[in-house]
Amino acid sequence: MEAKIARPHADPLIKRRAECEVQSELLSKEQRIDWLNEPVDLEKAHETLRDSILPLWRLNYDPDQLIEKRNLVLKCLAEIRRRLLLINPEIVNVDSVKFVEEYDSNSQTTICKLAPIIPSPIQTEYRNKSELTIGYDVDGSGPVIGFRYSKYKGGSVAVGSFKSWNFMPRNSTKVINALQNFITACFKGEFEQLPMLDAFDPITYNGNWRHVLIRESRSGDTLVVLYINTYGFTEENMNNLLDELRTWFQTGPGSDSGLTSLYLSICSRSGIKQSDEDLRQVFGKPYIIEQCCGLNFHISISAFFQVNTLAAELLFERISCLCNLPSENQITCTNKNPNEKKRILLDVCCGTGTIALCLSKHFDRVIGIDMCNSAIEDAKSNAKLNDIQNVEFFAGKAESMLRNTIDSLPEYCDLSVVVDPPRAGLHHSVIQLLRNCKQIQRIIYISCNIEYAIENFLNFARPCSKKFTGIPFVPTMAEAVDLFPQTRHTEVILLLERIPSNP
């Protein structure tokens, strides 16, 4: 054995800035002076930032943005087919697998047919949740609330103002504007009872204001969480800050913004939120009530909910249709009347229970699983709020909760499974459990980034092995609903069906 001192990784921002300094040293003296004295074109900088966050904003929405999104999905479906044939070449002999030649002008063959993309009902002011950063703009102005020009490792911590964006609803913009005015007043020392508060600097760890989270509902609720570094704060400083914020938004200049809930989240100096106990109430409730598919949903601060409510309703409608499709490969019960089989929906990664509750009227029993405790508490509250009694929700990791849930199901049932995992996809152990459950013949997989989910689809379709013992599932149909206008992202629904055991 040999031990040696490990060299730490270089800070990515410092490394990038050093590279820029080296590049500048290669310039002549005159060129370097011109480069350093070149004025900052703030309008051009904001346009560059917009190109980064909303890369399709220059295109007409219909058809140009939708065509771009469709081609991106088709490219992924073609990649799934290509890689699937490498790991399971016998799949071509399965009758239920119908490869489709459909991809732009290249006519690549995809794993399955993609239905026409369903457009978002609104293309601007659609986000019911936004997360913003507080910092300084490229010209040194600030503190400003907005969005980073690049990731930290890109060599910049500059922030462009939120005012040049059109994806936040007007009420959210009004609230953020009122908060911006408060932060500016703090920086100028306009509050006698408060020290001067500045934007947090991720390089020196000095400063206070870090991030802002805002959620808004169609019913008019707006909730803000203001993330702050309180290093060096006394309890008196904290109480004074809470009082000033309360006064500003309830009776002061921000009272007409319509903000209904405001919380402070205390971060450590390195930026890590300490715990839920460090969430300080300024005023209001720690949740909003959103309306979707004729139901009311209780959404807490950290719970997942689709960011485009109107488009989400179209998404849930399509999921409902796929759940009700007759499956050619359903198990036929010989010991009892098939008409008596219970229709059961298993919603994996259920979040606040949106899909489970919206589809509950089509099933005898609905079971939702999610690892986020607050989301499950919201889901239970939502069921009670809407007087829906055929649903059950359980908190825990999907891989540990699924086994007990599946074992508790009746042997003969008409079981539909919906999975709506985080961007990284399902853990392979979850896929193993789903493949091993004989009652499952059809899985509806929802992905906000199909490129990240490709490995999941391959694991569902791998041939039987010691690791994946159940009969494979393959994509037989794909649909897309645009929840993210002006970006390249779209929500994709893939219908995965178990191949016949004797193809």
Protein backbone atom coordinates (compact mmCIF):
# COMPACT_ATOMS: atom_id res chain seq x y z
CA MET A 1 0.00 0.00 0.00
CA GLU A 2 1.07 3.51 -0.69
CA ALA A 3 -0.39 6.69 0.77
CA LYS A 4 0.08 10.15 -0.61
CA ILE A 5 -1.45 13.56 -0.09
CA ALA A 6 -4.44 14.03 -2.37
CA ARG A 7 -4.56 17.26 -4.32
CA PRO A 8 -7.98 18.89 -4.14
CA HIS A 9 -9.89 19.61 -7.32
CA ALA A 10 -9.43 23.15 -8.54
CA ASP A 11 -12.37 25.47 -7.94
CA PRO A 12 -14.08 25.47 -11.39
CA LEU A 13 -14.82 29.20 -11.35
CA ILE A 14 -11.28 30.18 -10.31
CA LYS A 15 -9.87 27.75 -12.89
CA ARG A 16 -12.00 29.25 -15.67
CA ARG A 17 -11.04 32.79 -14.72
CA ALA A 18 -7.36 31.84 -14.71
CA GLU A 19 -7.77 30.47 -18.24
CA CYS A 20 -9.31 33.78 -19.32
CA GLU A 21 -6.40 35.69 -17.78
CA VAL A 22 -3.93 33.52 -19.71
CA GLN A 23 -5.86 34.21 -22.91
CA SER A 24 -5.79 37.95 -22.22
CA GLU A 25 -2.01 37.86 -21.69
CA LEU A 26 -1.63 36.55 -25.24
CA LEU A 27 -3.10 39.81 -26.53
CA SER A 28 -0.93 42.79 -27.34
CA LYS A 29 -0.84 45.64 -24.83
CA GLU A 30 -3.13 47.76 -27.01
CA GLN A 31 -5.60 44.88 -27.53
CA ARG A 32 -5.65 44.15 -23.79
CA ILE A 33 -6.39 47.80 -22.92
CA ASP A 34 -9.22 47.85 -25.47
CA TRP A 35 -10.58 44.55 -24.07
CA LEU A 36 -10.53 45.79 -20.44
CA ASN A 37 -12.09 49.16 -21.31
CA GLU A 38 -14.76 47.75 -23.60
CA PRO A 39 -18.17 48.91 -22.29
CA VAL A 40 -20.68 46.24 -21.27
CA ASP A 41 -23.69 46.02 -23.58
CA LEU A 42 -26.31 45.03 -21.00
CA GLU A 43 -29.06 44.58 -23.58
CA LYS A 44 -26.90 42.21 -25.62
CA ALA A 45 -25.91 40.33 -22.45
CA HIS A 46 -29.57 39.84 -21.50
CA GLU A 47 -30.34 38.59 -25.01
CA THR A 48 -27.51 36.05 -24.73
CA LEU A 49 -28.92 34.90 -21.38
CA ARG A 50 -32.35 34.52 -22.93
CA ASP A 51 -30.87 32.40 -25.73
CA SER A 52 -29.34 30.16 -23.08
CA ILE A 53 -32.45 29.62 -20.94
CA LEU A 54 -35.12 29.86 -23.66
CA PRO A 55 -33.26 28.64 -26.77
CA LEU A 56 -36.39 28.50 -28.97
CA TRP A 57 -37.82 31.93 -28.12
CA ARG A 58 -36.92 33.35 -31.53
CA LEU A 59 -39.01 30.70 -33.37
CA ASN A 60 -42.74 30.89 -34.01
CA TYR A 61 -44.41 28.55 -31.55
CA ASP A 62 -46.63 26.68 -34.00
CA PRO A 63 -45.28 25.05 -36.05
CA ASP A 64 -41.55 25.87 -35.70
CA GLN A 65 -40.97 25.23 -31.98
CA LEU A 66 -43.21 22.15 -32.05
CA ILE A 67 -41.35 20.73 -35.07
CA GLU A 68 -38.02 21.26 -33.29
CA LYS A 69 -39.29 19.49 -30.17
CA ARG A 70 -40.80 16.63 -32.16
CA ASN A 71 -37.53 16.02 -33.99
CA LEU A 72 -35.64 15.90 -30.69
CA VAL A 73 -38.05 13.24 -29.35
CA LEU A 74 -37.84 11.24 -32.59
CA LYS A 75 -34.05 11.33 -32.39
CA CYS A 76 -34.23 9.75 -28.92
CA LEU A 77 -36.74 7.11 -30.08
CA ALA A 78 -34.37 6.20 -32.91
CA GLU A 79 -31.50 5.96 -30.41
CA ILE A 80 -33.56 3.65 -28.18
CA ARG A 81 -34.17 1.34 -31.16
CA ARG A 82 -30.49 1.37 -32.17
CA ARG A 83 -29.24 0.48 -28.68
CA LEU A 84 -32.04 -2.00 -28.01
CA LEU A 85 -31.11 -4.04 -31.07
CA LEU A 86 -27.57 -4.30 -29.71
CA ILE A 87 -28.63 -5.75 -26.36
CA ASN A 88 -31.72 -7.69 -27.47
CA PRO A 89 -31.51 -8.45 -31.23
CA GLU A 90 -34.32 -11.04 -30.97
CA ILE A 91 -36.75 -8.19 -30.37
CA VAL A 92 -37.25 -7.86 -34.13
CA ASN A 93 -39.12 -11.19 -34.09
CA VAL A 94 -41.76 -9.92 -31.66
CA ASP A 95 -45.03 -9.10 -33.44
CA SER A 96 -46.01 -6.36 -30.97
CA VAL A 97 -42.81 -4.41 -31.69
CA LYS A 98 -43.43 -2.28 -34.75
CA PHE A 99 -40.48 -0.15 -35.78
CA VAL A 100 -41.50 3.04 -37.55
CA GLU A 101 -39.56 5.02 -40.15
CA GLU A 102 -40.21 8.55 -39.01
CA TYR A 103 -37.59 11.16 -38.29
CA ASP A 104 -37.27 14.48 -40.07
CA SER A 105 -35.79 14.24 -43.57
CA ASN A 106 -33.37 11.49 -42.50
CA SER A 107 -36.17 8.91 -42.15
CA GLN A 108 -34.46 7.06 -39.33
CA THR A 109 -36.32 4.12 -37.85
CA THR A 110 -37.74 4.72 -34.38
CA ILE A 111 -38.69 2.18 -31.72
CA CYS A 112 -42.39 3.10 -31.99
CA LYS A 113 -44.78 5.62 -33.49
CA LEU A 114 -44.85 9.16 -32.08
CA ALA A 115 -48.24 10.87 -32.10
CA PRO A 116 -48.42 14.58 -33.08
CA ILE A 117 -47.12 16.74 -30.25
CA ILE A 118 -49.83 18.38 -28.14
CA PRO A 119 -49.12 22.14 -27.82
CA SER A 120 -49.31 24.11 -24.59
CA PRO A 121 -52.53 26.17 -24.31
CA ILE A 122 -50.36 29.18 -23.36
CA GLN A 123 -46.83 29.99 -24.51
CA THR A 124 -45.93 32.80 -22.08
CA GLU A 125 -46.55 33.38 -18.35
CA TYR A 126 -47.01 29.63 -17.91
CA ARG A 127 -44.65 28.72 -15.03
CA ASN A 128 -46.38 28.28 -11.68
CA LYS A 129 -42.97 27.82 -10.01
CA SER A 130 -39.69 29.67 -10.57
CA GLU A 131 -36.35 29.61 -8.78
CA LEU A 132 -34.20 32.73 -9.08
CA THR A 133 -30.75 33.81 -7.92
CA ILE A 134 -29.72 37.08 -6.27
CA GLY A 135 -26.44 38.63 -7.38
CA TYR A 136 -24.86 41.33 -9.54
CA ASP A 137 -25.30 41.90 -13.25
CA VAL A 138 -22.40 41.87 -15.70
CA ASP A 139 -22.12 45.67 -15.49
CA GLY A 140 -21.80 45.55 -11.69
CA SER A 141 -25.32 46.78 -11.00
CA GLY A 142 -27.27 45.17 -8.21
CA PRO A 143 -28.14 43.36 -6.11
CA VAL A 144 -30.61 42.00 -8.67
CA ILE A 145 -33.01 39.07 -8.64
CA GLY A 146 -32.77 37.00 -11.80
CA PHE A 147 -30.93 34.15 -13.48
CA ARG A 148 -27.26 33.19 -13.75
CA TYR A 149 -25.57 33.83 -17.10
CA SER A 150 -23.75 30.53 -16.79
CA LYS A 151 -23.10 27.74 -14.33
CA TYR A 152 -20.51 28.37 -11.62
CA LYS A 153 -18.00 26.21 -13.49
CA GLY A 154 -18.52 28.43 -16.54
CA GLY A 155 -16.50 31.15 -14.84
CA SER A 156 -19.24 33.66 -14.00
CA VAL A 157 -21.56 34.34 -11.08
CA ALA A 158 -23.25 37.32 -12.76
CA VAL A 159 -27.05 37.47 -12.65
CA GLY A 160 -29.38 38.97 -15.28
CA SER A 161 -32.55 40.68 -14.05
CA PHE A 162 -35.88 38.82 -14.07
CA LYS A 163 -37.54 41.78 -15.83
CA SER A 164 -36.59 40.61 -19.32
CA TRP A 165 -38.42 37.26 -19.00
CA ASN A 166 -41.97 36.35 -20.01
CA PHE A 167 -42.47 32.83 -18.63
CA MET A 168 -43.51 33.93 -15.11
CA PRO A 169 -47.18 34.90 -14.60
CA ARG A 170 -47.88 38.59 -14.03
CA ASN A 171 -48.68 38.11 -10.35
CA SER A 172 -45.34 36.38 -9.79
CA THR A 173 -43.53 39.17 -11.63
CA LYS A 174 -45.31 41.75 -9.49
CA VAL A 175 -44.29 39.95 -6.28
CA ILE A 176 -40.65 39.57 -7.37
CA ASN A 177 -40.56 43.25 -8.32
CA ALA A 178 -41.75 44.19 -4.81
CA LEU A 179 -39.11 41.89 -3.31
CA GLN A 180 -36.46 43.46 -5.55
CA ASN A 181 -37.40 46.89 -4.20
CA PHE A 182 -37.10 45.61 -0.62
CA ILE A 183 -33.63 44.13 -1.26
CA THR A 184 -32.52 47.38 -2.90
CA ALA A 185 -33.77 49.35 0.12
CA CYS A 186 -31.84 47.01 2.46
CA PHE A 187 -28.67 47.48 0.42
CA LYS A 188 -29.04 51.27 0.60
CA GLY A 189 -29.45 51.11 4.40
CA GLU A 190 -32.98 52.52 4.42
CA PHE A 191 -34.04 50.44 7.44
CA GLU A 192 -32.69 51.81 10.71
CA GLN A 193 -33.14 48.52 12.56
CA LEU A 194 -31.25 46.43 9.97
CA PRO A 195 -27.59 46.17 8.97
CA MET A 196 -26.76 46.70 5.30
CA LEU A 197 -27.66 43.44 3.52
CA ASP A 198 -25.92 42.50 0.27
CA ALA A 199 -26.12 39.68 -2.28
CA PHE A 200 -24.22 36.55 -1.32
CA ASP A 201 -20.86 36.08 -3.05
CA PRO A 202 -20.21 32.35 -3.75
CA ILE A 203 -16.48 33.02 -4.05
CA THR A 204 -15.84 34.85 -0.76
CA TYR A 205 -18.93 33.51 1.07
CA ASN A 206 -19.72 37.08 2.14
CA GLY A 207 -23.15 38.65 1.79
CA ASN A 208 -26.67 37.53 2.60
CA TRP A 209 -29.32 37.22 -0.13
CA ARG A 210 -28.99 33.96 -2.06
CA HIS A 211 -32.06 32.64 -3.87
CA VAL A 212 -35.81 33.10 -4.27
CA LEU A 213 -38.43 30.42 -4.85
CA ILE A 214 -41.90 31.53 -5.91
CA ARG A 215 -45.02 29.41 -6.46
CA GLU A 216 -48.31 30.70 -7.82
CA SER A 217 -51.72 29.08 -8.29
CA ARG A 218 -54.63 29.86 -10.58
CA SER A 219 -56.72 30.59 -7.49
CA GLY A 220 -54.50 33.58 -6.70
CA ASP A 221 -52.17 32.14 -4.03
CA THR A 222 -48.53 33.23 -4.20
CA LEU A 223 -45.84 31.79 -1.94
CA VAL A 224 -42.24 33.02 -1.70
CA VAL A 225 -39.27 31.43 0.06
CA LEU A 226 -36.32 33.79 0.43
CA TYR A 227 -33.02 31.95 0.99
CA ILE A 228 -30.57 33.93 3.10
CA ASN A 229 -27.15 33.54 4.70
CA THR A 230 -27.35 34.91 8.25
CA TYR A 231 -23.70 34.45 9.23
CA GLY A 232 -22.99 37.05 11.92
CA PHE A 233 -26.70 37.75 12.49
CA THR A 234 -27.97 38.21 16.03
CA GLU A 235 -31.43 37.05 17.02
CA GLU A 236 -32.40 40.72 17.19
CA ASN A 237 -31.25 41.19 13.57
CA MET A 238 -33.39 38.23 12.52
CA ASN A 239 -36.49 39.46 14.35
CA ASN A 240 -36.07 42.94 12.87
CA LEU A 241 -35.73 41.48 9.36
CA LEU A 242 -38.91 39.44 9.82
CA ASP A 243 -40.74 42.55 11.06
CA GLU A 244 -39.54 44.72 8.16
CA LEU A 245 -40.50 42.08 5.58
CA ARG A 246 -43.91 41.66 7.19
CA THR A 247 -44.53 45.41 7.20
CA TRP A 248 -43.26 45.85 3.62
CA PHE A 249 -45.62 43.26 2.13
CA GLN A 250 -48.66 43.69 4.38
CA THR A 251 -48.98 47.45 4.88
CA GLY A 252 -46.01 48.98 3.04
CA PRO A 253 -44.88 49.46 -0.59
CA GLY A 254 -45.26 45.74 -1.41
CA SER A 255 -48.79 45.38 -0.05
CA ASP A 256 -50.37 45.62 -3.51
CA SER A 257 -48.27 42.73 -4.89
CA GLY A 258 -50.81 40.11 -3.74
CA LEU A 259 -48.25 37.96 -1.89
CA THR A 260 -50.13 35.55 0.38
CA SER A 261 -47.24 33.62 2.03
CA LEU A 262 -43.62 34.51 2.77
CA TYR A 263 -40.92 32.40 4.43
CA LEU A 264 -37.20 32.77 5.10
CA SER A 265 -34.95 29.75 4.65
CA ILE A 266 -31.72 29.99 6.63
CA CYS A 267 -28.68 28.63 4.77
CA SER A 268 -25.24 27.79 6.08
CA ARG A 269 -22.35 29.90 4.85
CA SER A 270 -21.55 27.26 2.22
CA GLY A 271 -25.12 27.44 0.93
CA ILE A 272 -26.63 24.25 2.34
CA LYS A 273 -30.04 24.66 3.91
CA GLN A 274 -29.73 23.48 7.50
CA SER A 275 -33.10 21.78 8.06
CA ASP A 276 -36.81 22.40 7.89
CA GLU A 277 -36.50 23.89 11.38
CA ASP A 278 -34.57 26.78 9.80
CA LEU A 279 -37.61 27.78 7.77
CA ARG A 280 -38.89 30.98 9.40
CA GLN A 281 -42.45 32.12 8.82
CA VAL A 282 -42.88 35.78 7.94
CA PHE A 283 -46.60 35.39 7.25
CA GLY A 284 -49.06 33.04 5.56
CA LYS A 285 -49.32 29.28 5.13
CA PRO A 286 -46.45 27.03 3.90
CA TYR A 287 -48.46 25.89 0.87
CA ILE A 288 -50.67 27.05 -1.98
CA ILE A 289 -53.91 25.61 -3.34
CA GLU A 290 -53.86 24.87 -7.10
CA GLN A 291 -56.78 23.82 -9.27
CA CYS A 292 -56.24 21.08 -11.85
CA CYS A 293 -58.67 18.76 -13.66
CA GLY A 294 -61.55 20.03 -11.54
CA LEU A 295 -59.76 19.15 -8.29
CA ASN A 296 -57.97 21.24 -5.65
CA PHE A 297 -54.35 20.45 -4.80
CA HIS A 298 -52.49 21.38 -1.63
CA ILE A 299 -48.84 22.04 -2.70
CA SER A 300 -46.19 22.58 -0.04
CA ILE A 301 -42.91 24.44 -0.50
CA SER A 302 -40.74 21.50 -1.63
CA ALA A 303 -43.38 19.28 -3.26
CA PHE A 304 -43.27 18.47 -6.97
CA PHE A 305 -46.05 19.75 -9.20
CA GLN A 306 -46.00 20.23 -12.98
CA VAL A 307 -44.90 23.81 -13.72
CA ASN A 308 -47.51 24.40 -16.45
CA THR A 309 -50.93 23.64 -14.99
CA LEU A 310 -52.99 24.11 -18.17
CA ALA A 311 -50.71 21.84 -20.20
CA ALA A 312 -50.57 19.37 -17.29
CA GLU A 313 -54.33 18.89 -17.60
CA LEU A 314 -53.79 17.77 -21.21
CA LEU A 315 -50.98 15.48 -20.06
CA PHE A 316 -53.19 13.79 -17.45
CA GLU A 317 -55.96 13.39 -20.01
CA ARG A 318 -53.59 11.50 -22.32
CA ILE A 319 -52.33 9.33 -19.45
CA SER A 320 -55.94 8.48 -18.60
CA CYS A 321 -56.60 7.44 -22.20
CA LEU A 322 -53.53 5.18 -22.25
CA CYS A 323 -54.54 3.58 -18.93
CA ASN A 324 -57.88 2.65 -20.43
CA LEU A 325 -56.44 1.13 -23.60
CA PRO A 326 -57.19 -2.61 -23.79
CA SER A 327 -53.97 -4.62 -23.60
CA GLU A 328 -53.56 -7.51 -26.04
CA ASN A 329 -51.36 -9.29 -23.51
CA GLN A 330 -53.47 -9.01 -20.35
CA ILE A 331 -53.51 -12.07 -18.12
CA THR A 332 -56.67 -14.09 -18.61
CA CYS A 333 -58.09 -15.34 -15.34
CA THR A 334 -59.34 -18.92 -15.48
CA ASN A 335 -60.37 -19.35 -11.84
CA LYS A 336 -62.86 -16.49 -11.67
CA ASN A 337 -64.96 -14.23 -13.85
CA PRO A 338 -62.65 -11.66 -15.54
CA ASN A 339 -65.42 -9.08 -15.19
CA GLU A 340 -64.90 -9.20 -11.42
CA LYS A 341 -61.22 -8.27 -11.61
CA LYS A 342 -60.46 -5.07 -9.71
CA ARG A 343 -58.97 -2.19 -11.68
CA ILE A 344 -55.94 -0.97 -9.74
CA LEU A 345 -53.61 1.95 -10.50
CA LEU A 346 -50.09 2.00 -9.07
CA ASP A 347 -48.57 5.50 -9.25
CA VAL A 348 -44.80 5.35 -8.67
CA CYS A 349 -43.14 8.69 -7.80
CA CYS A 350 -46.60 10.16 -7.24
CA GLY A 351 -45.55 13.54 -5.81
CA THR A 352 -48.55 15.43 -4.45
CA GLY A 353 -50.86 12.78 -5.90
CA THR A 354 -51.88 14.72 -8.98
CA ILE A 355 -51.99 11.81 -11.43
CA ALA A 356 -53.38 9.36 -8.88
CA LEU A 357 -56.23 11.65 -7.88
CA CYS A 358 -57.05 12.85 -11.40
CA LEU A 359 -57.32 9.22 -12.59
CA SER A 360 -58.95 7.79 -9.44
CA LYS A 361 -62.46 7.84 -10.92
CA HIS A 362 -61.37 5.24 -13.51
CA PHE A 363 -60.12 2.69 -10.94
CA ASP A 364 -61.39 0.66 -8.00
CA ARG A 365 -58.20 1.28 -6.04
CA VAL A 366 -55.28 3.68 -6.44
CA ILE A 367 -51.90 3.41 -4.68
CA GLY A 368 -49.32 6.21 -4.73
CA ILE A 369 -45.66 5.97 -3.65
CA ASP A 370 -43.11 8.77 -3.26
CA MET A 371 -39.91 9.27 -1.25
CA CYS A 372 -40.77 12.89 -0.31
CA ASN A 373 -42.62 12.90 3.03
CA SER A 374 -44.04 16.38 2.56
CA ALA A 375 -45.34 15.43 -0.90
CA ILE A 376 -47.11 12.37 0.53
CA GLU A 377 -48.63 14.49 3.29
CA ASP A 378 -49.85 16.83 0.56
CA ALA A 379 -51.23 13.87 -1.39
CA LYS A 380 -53.18 12.66 1.64
CA SER A 381 -54.47 16.18 2.26
CA ASN A 382 -55.46 16.41 -1.40
CA ALA A 383 -57.44 13.17 -1.22
CA LYS A 384 -59.27 14.45 1.85
CA LEU A 385 -59.73 17.90 0.31
CA ASN A 386 -61.46 16.36 -2.72
CA ASP A 387 -63.29 13.62 -0.78
CA ILE A 388 -61.60 10.84 -2.79
CA GLN A 389 -61.66 7.64 -0.77
CA ASN A 390 -60.27 4.93 -3.07
CA VAL A 391 -56.65 6.16 -2.86
CA GLU A 392 -53.75 5.28 -0.55
CA PHE A 393 -50.39 7.05 -0.34
CA PHE A 394 -47.13 5.77 1.15
CA ALA A 395 -43.83 7.58 1.80
CA GLY A 396 -40.51 5.84 1.15
CA LYS A 397 -38.03 4.96 -1.57
CA ALA A 398 -39.77 3.32 -4.49
CA GLU A 399 -37.38 0.35 -4.48
CA SER A 400 -38.19 -0.46 -0.83
CA MET A 401 -41.91 0.36 -0.90
CA LEU A 402 -42.78 -1.39 -4.15
CA ARG A 403 -42.09 -4.93 -3.00
CA ASN A 404 -44.55 -4.79 -0.09
CA THR A 405 -47.11 -2.96 -2.21
CA ILE A 406 -46.95 -5.48 -5.06
CA ASP A 407 -47.07 -8.43 -2.66
CA SER A 408 -50.28 -7.05 -1.16
CA LEU A 409 -52.10 -6.92 -4.51
CA PRO A 410 -54.61 -9.62 -5.43
CA GLU A 411 -53.25 -12.25 -7.80
CA TYR A 412 -55.93 -11.50 -10.36
CA CYS A 413 -56.41 -7.81 -11.05
CA ASP A 414 -56.33 -5.40 -13.95
CA LEU A 415 -53.25 -3.46 -12.91
CA SER A 416 -52.05 -0.24 -14.57
CA VAL A 417 -48.75 1.32 -13.56
CA VAL A 418 -47.75 4.95 -14.05
CA VAL A 419 -44.19 6.05 -13.31
CA ASP A 420 -43.24 9.72 -13.26
CA PRO A 421 -39.66 9.67 -11.93
CA PRO A 422 -37.25 12.58 -11.44
CA ARG A 423 -35.06 13.56 -14.38
CA ALA A 424 -32.45 10.92 -13.52
CA GLY A 425 -35.05 8.17 -14.00
CA LEU A 426 -35.91 5.03 -12.01
CA HIS A 427 -33.40 3.07 -9.96
CA HIS A 428 -32.61 -0.27 -11.64
CA SER A 429 -34.02 -2.14 -8.62
CA VAL A 430 -37.44 -0.55 -9.26
CA ILE A 431 -37.32 -1.76 -12.86
CA GLN A 432 -36.42 -5.26 -11.63
CA LEU A 433 -39.44 -5.31 -9.31
CA LEU A 434 -41.81 -4.07 -12.03
CA ARG A 435 -40.54 -6.67 -14.49
CA ASN A 436 -40.97 -9.44 -11.92
CA CYS A 437 -44.59 -8.55 -11.14
CA LYS A 438 -46.70 -10.83 -13.37
CA GLN A 439 -49.85 -8.77 -12.86
CA ILE A 440 -48.25 -5.84 -14.70
CA GLN A 441 -48.68 -5.98 -18.46
CA ARG A 442 -48.55 -2.28 -19.25
CA ILE A 443 -46.51 0.63 -17.84
CA ILE A 444 -47.03 4.29 -18.67
CA TYR A 445 -43.67 6.04 -18.30
CA ILE A 446 -43.63 9.85 -18.12
CA SER A 447 -40.37 11.68 -18.77
CA CYS A 448 -39.53 15.38 -18.79
CA ASN A 449 -36.21 14.56 -20.47
CA ILE A 450 -36.40 11.41 -22.58
CA GLU A 451 -32.67 11.51 -23.34
CA TYR A 452 -31.90 10.95 -19.64
CA ALA A 453 -34.43 8.09 -19.48
CA ILE A 454 -33.03 6.00 -22.37
CA GLU A 455 -31.12 3.71 -20.00
CA ASN A 456 -34.39 2.99 -18.15
CA PHE A 457 -36.13 1.93 -21.37
CA LEU A 458 -33.21 -0.35 -22.24
CA ASN A 459 -33.37 -2.00 -18.81
CA PHE A 460 -37.09 -2.60 -19.23
CA ALA A 461 -36.42 -4.28 -22.62
CA ARG A 462 -33.28 -6.30 -21.85
CA PRO A 463 -33.59 -10.06 -22.38
CA CYS A 464 -34.22 -12.18 -19.29
CA SER A 465 -31.11 -12.67 -17.16
CA LYS A 466 -30.07 -13.28 -13.57
CA LYS A 467 -30.40 -9.55 -12.89
CA PHE A 468 -33.57 -8.91 -14.91
CA THR A 469 -35.67 -12.03 -14.50
CA GLY A 470 -39.07 -10.82 -15.66
CA ILE A 471 -40.28 -10.85 -19.27
CA PRO A 472 -39.21 -7.59 -20.98
CA PHE A 473 -41.31 -4.49 -21.66
CA VAL A 474 -40.89 -2.57 -24.91
CA PRO A 475 -42.16 0.88 -26.02
CA THR A 476 -45.18 0.48 -28.31
CA MET A 477 -46.48 4.04 -28.42
CA ALA A 478 -45.15 7.53 -27.67
CA GLU A 479 -46.93 10.82 -27.13
CA ALA A 480 -45.59 14.26 -26.25
CA VAL A 481 -47.20 17.21 -24.49
CA ASP A 482 -45.40 20.55 -24.47
CA LEU A 483 -45.21 21.84 -20.91
CA PHE A 484 -42.17 24.05 -21.53
CA PRO A 485 -42.72 26.53 -24.41
CA GLN A 486 -39.64 28.36 -25.73
CA THR A 487 -37.32 25.61 -24.40
CA ARG A 488 -36.20 22.36 -26.04
CA HIS A 489 -37.86 20.27 -23.34
CA THR A 490 -41.19 18.49 -23.65
CA GLU A 491 -43.04 15.93 -21.55
CA VAL A 492 -43.02 12.50 -23.21
CA ILE A 493 -45.38 9.62 -22.43
CA LEU A 494 -44.18 6.15 -23.43
CA LEU A 495 -46.48 3.15 -23.31
CA LEU A 496 -44.38 0.10 -22.37
CA GLU A 497 -46.01 -3.28 -22.94
CA ARG A 498 -44.77 -6.67 -21.88
CA ILE A 499 -43.88 -8.83 -24.87
CA PRO A 500 -45.72 -12.17 -25.16
CA SER A 501 -43.96 -14.94 -23.25
CA ASN A 502 -43.96 -17.13 -26.38
CA PRO A 503 -43.36 -14.79 -29.32
